[in-house]
Amino acid sequence: MQFRFTILATLSALYLTAAAPARAEIIQLIDNTQLNGKIVHFYDGTFHIETSDGQKLELPTTKIKQIRFKLPPARAEFSTPEKTFQRYKDALGKNDVGKLIDCYALMYQGVMAAELSHATDEQKKKMQSEISGTKLEVKASKITGNNATLKVQRSKGDEVETADIRLVLENGEWKLTP
């Protein structure tokens, strides 16, 4: 049996929502006026925007010169691959699925949440028993550019397995990939 973090995949399916970082866009109009807000909807060439002061605007694309996206600052708990994995372990132990999903790269978060939402009660109980008494320990790490690999040992009783966990640097934060 090849060791993978299927526990996380199964646990995350229990919930559909995960905390998303706050974001805002800077919308520059043709006349160089700038708005700070977030795009809430786009349909038929019109952006629906909620400004930072709560106003709701409808702006056709013909009035928009440019949109710049502001990302939230990188969080300290994701500053190294080891810290990300520690956050993952802590969330796993506390059954905090939102934090578990947040440990994954953005492109996988929705997939994980959707996958895990289909878990049956029997599958949930099986996951809890698999987690109970399991020890996860980083044995080695290697960073190459925007990619990292952690060699992780999972042990439970006499059973010991080692696997490589891959991470990617995303917006200044190290995030897991499946």
Protein backbone atom coordinates (compact mmCIF):
# COMPACT_ATOMS: atom_id res chain seq x y z
CA MET A 1 0.00 0.00 0.00
CA GLN A 2 1.50 3.32 -1.06
CA PHE A 3 1.21 6.01 1.60
CA ARG A 4 -0.60 9.16 0.62
CA PHE A 5 -2.45 11.71 2.63
CA THR A 6 -5.84 10.24 1.85
CA ILE A 7 -6.89 11.04 5.39
CA LEU A 8 -6.91 14.73 4.50
CA ALA A 9 -8.78 14.13 1.29
CA THR A 10 -11.42 12.16 3.09
CA LEU A 11 -11.70 14.57 6.01
CA SER A 12 -11.90 17.64 3.83
CA ALA A 13 -14.85 16.15 1.99
CA LEU A 14 -16.84 16.50 5.17
CA TYR A 15 -17.15 20.21 4.59
CA LEU A 16 -17.76 22.41 1.56
CA THR A 17 -16.50 25.72 2.81
CA ALA A 18 -13.03 26.89 3.63
CA ALA A 19 -11.83 30.26 4.80
CA ALA A 20 -10.66 32.34 1.87
CA PRO A 21 -8.21 35.17 2.22
CA ALA A 22 -9.68 38.65 1.85
CA ARG A 23 -9.00 40.26 -1.48
CA ALA A 24 -9.68 43.52 -3.21
CA GLU A 25 -9.30 44.92 -6.67
CA ILE A 26 -8.24 48.37 -7.78
CA ILE A 27 -10.39 49.35 -10.74
CA GLN A 28 -9.07 52.19 -12.86
CA LEU A 29 -11.67 53.87 -15.06
CA ILE A 30 -11.06 55.40 -18.49
CA ASP A 31 -10.90 58.87 -16.88
CA ASN A 32 -8.17 57.52 -14.49
CA THR A 33 -10.51 57.54 -11.47
CA GLN A 34 -9.69 54.60 -9.20
CA LEU A 35 -12.08 52.49 -7.15
CA ASN A 36 -11.14 50.06 -4.41
CA GLY A 37 -13.53 47.14 -4.07
CA LYS A 38 -14.24 43.61 -5.08
CA ILE A 39 -15.83 42.16 -8.17
CA VAL A 40 -18.89 40.19 -7.10
CA HIS A 41 -20.31 39.31 -10.50
CA PHE A 42 -19.70 39.70 -14.23
CA TYR A 43 -22.37 39.24 -16.87
CA ASP A 44 -22.90 40.47 -20.42
CA GLY A 45 -19.99 42.91 -20.38
CA THR A 46 -20.84 44.45 -17.01
CA PHE A 47 -18.90 44.11 -13.75
CA HIS A 48 -20.90 44.24 -10.51
CA ILE A 49 -18.61 45.74 -7.89
CA GLU A 50 -18.91 46.28 -4.17
CA THR A 51 -16.71 49.18 -3.12
CA SER A 52 -14.75 49.31 0.12
CA ASP A 53 -17.43 51.59 1.63
CA GLY A 54 -20.23 49.12 0.77
CA GLN A 55 -21.57 50.82 -2.36
CA LYS A 56 -22.71 48.55 -5.19
CA LEU A 57 -21.84 49.63 -8.71
CA GLU A 58 -22.41 48.26 -12.18
CA LEU A 59 -19.59 49.14 -14.56
CA PRO A 60 -19.55 48.18 -18.24
CA THR A 61 -16.18 47.02 -19.53
CA THR A 62 -16.13 50.03 -21.89
CA LYS A 63 -15.64 52.35 -18.88
CA ILE A 64 -12.82 50.31 -17.31
CA LYS A 65 -9.21 50.98 -18.26
CA GLN A 66 -7.59 48.35 -16.03
CA ILE A 67 -8.17 46.09 -13.03
CA ARG A 68 -5.34 45.32 -10.59
CA PHE A 69 -5.72 42.54 -8.09
CA LYS A 70 -4.29 42.97 -4.60
CA LEU A 71 -3.35 39.85 -2.75
CA PRO A 72 -3.32 39.64 1.02
CA PRO A 73 0.15 39.54 2.60
CA ALA A 74 1.72 36.12 3.04
CA ARG A 75 0.94 34.52 6.41
CA ALA A 76 3.75 33.43 8.75
CA GLU A 77 2.25 29.96 9.28
CA PHE A 78 2.96 29.20 5.59
CA SER A 79 6.45 30.77 5.43
CA THR A 80 8.27 27.41 5.15
CA PRO A 81 7.23 23.96 3.92
CA GLU A 82 7.72 22.64 7.45
CA LYS A 83 5.43 25.30 8.97
CA THR A 84 2.73 24.51 6.40
CA PHE A 85 3.00 20.82 7.23
CA GLN A 86 2.83 21.59 10.97
CA ARG A 87 -0.35 23.63 10.40
CA TYR A 88 -1.73 20.69 8.41
CA LYS A 89 -0.92 18.26 11.25
CA ASP A 90 -2.47 20.56 13.86
CA ALA A 91 -5.64 21.01 11.80
CA LEU A 92 -5.83 17.26 11.20
CA GLY A 93 -5.58 16.59 14.94
CA LYS A 94 -8.31 19.13 15.69
CA ASN A 95 -10.50 17.99 12.78
CA ASP A 96 -10.45 21.58 11.47
CA VAL A 97 -11.30 20.97 7.83
CA GLY A 98 -11.25 24.66 6.91
CA LYS A 99 -7.61 24.91 7.99
CA LEU A 100 -6.81 21.58 6.32
CA ILE A 101 -8.14 22.80 2.98
CA ASP A 102 -6.34 26.13 3.42
CA CYS A 103 -3.03 24.21 3.49
CA TYR A 104 -3.56 23.25 -0.15
CA ALA A 105 -2.69 25.34 -3.21
CA LEU A 106 -5.64 27.46 -4.36
CA MET A 107 -6.32 25.40 -7.46
CA TYR A 108 -6.92 22.31 -5.30
CA GLN A 109 -8.96 23.82 -2.46
CA GLY A 110 -12.31 23.73 -4.26
CA VAL A 111 -11.71 20.22 -5.55
CA MET A 112 -10.81 18.98 -2.07
CA ALA A 113 -13.87 20.58 -0.51
CA ALA A 114 -16.19 19.20 -3.19
CA GLU A 115 -14.66 15.73 -3.01
CA LEU A 116 -14.88 15.57 0.72
CA SER A 117 -18.46 16.78 0.90
CA HIS A 118 -19.64 13.36 -0.29
CA ALA A 119 -18.24 11.37 2.67
CA THR A 120 -20.74 9.09 4.38
CA ASP A 121 -21.03 8.72 8.17
CA GLU A 122 -19.24 5.37 7.89
CA GLN A 123 -16.36 6.97 5.98
CA LYS A 124 -16.14 9.75 8.59
CA LYS A 125 -15.84 7.20 11.40
CA LYS A 126 -13.18 5.29 9.47
CA MET A 127 -11.17 8.49 8.99
CA GLN A 128 -11.32 9.31 12.69
CA SER A 129 -10.06 5.84 13.62
CA GLU A 130 -7.20 6.12 11.06
CA ILE A 131 -6.13 9.47 12.51
CA SER A 132 -6.27 8.35 16.12
CA GLY A 133 -2.78 7.42 17.33
CA THR A 134 -1.04 8.30 14.05
CA LYS A 135 2.28 10.15 14.23
CA LEU A 136 3.49 12.26 11.30
CA GLU A 137 7.11 13.39 11.29
CA VAL A 138 9.18 15.33 8.72
CA LYS A 139 12.43 13.44 8.11
CA ALA A 140 13.93 15.64 5.37
CA SER A 141 13.12 18.62 3.16
CA LYS A 142 14.35 19.95 -0.14
CA ILE A 143 13.50 23.28 -1.79
CA THR A 144 14.13 23.81 -5.49
CA GLY A 145 12.94 27.22 -6.67
CA ASN A 146 9.17 27.45 -6.12
CA ASN A 147 8.81 23.73 -5.33
CA ALA A 148 9.55 21.78 -2.19
CA THR A 149 9.48 18.14 -1.15
CA LEU A 150 9.12 16.89 2.41
CA LYS A 151 9.98 13.30 3.25
CA VAL A 152 7.35 12.43 5.86
CA GLN A 153 7.14 9.34 8.01
CA ARG A 154 3.75 8.12 9.18
CA SER A 155 3.72 5.69 12.05
CA LYS A 156 0.90 4.00 13.89
CA GLY A 157 1.74 1.13 16.17
CA ASP A 158 4.21 -1.15 14.35
CA GLU A 159 3.21 0.19 10.93
CA VAL A 160 5.67 2.73 9.47
CA GLU A 161 5.52 4.29 6.02
CA THR A 162 7.46 7.10 4.36
CA ALA A 163 6.28 9.31 1.50
CA ASP A 164 7.21 12.46 -0.32
CA ILE A 165 4.87 15.40 0.15
CA ARG A 166 5.07 18.09 -2.51
CA LEU A 167 4.50 21.78 -1.96
CA VAL A 168 4.49 24.84 -4.17
CA LEU A 169 5.25 28.48 -3.34
CA GLU A 170 2.04 30.39 -4.06
CA ASN A 171 1.76 34.13 -3.42
CA GLY A 172 4.59 33.91 -0.86
CA GLU A 173 3.07 30.92 0.97
CA TRP A 174 4.06 27.25 0.81
CA LYS A 175 1.01 25.14 -0.05
CA LEU A 176 0.43 21.40 -0.41
CA THR A 177 -0.34 19.73 -3.72
CA PRO A 178 -2.11 16.36 -3.92
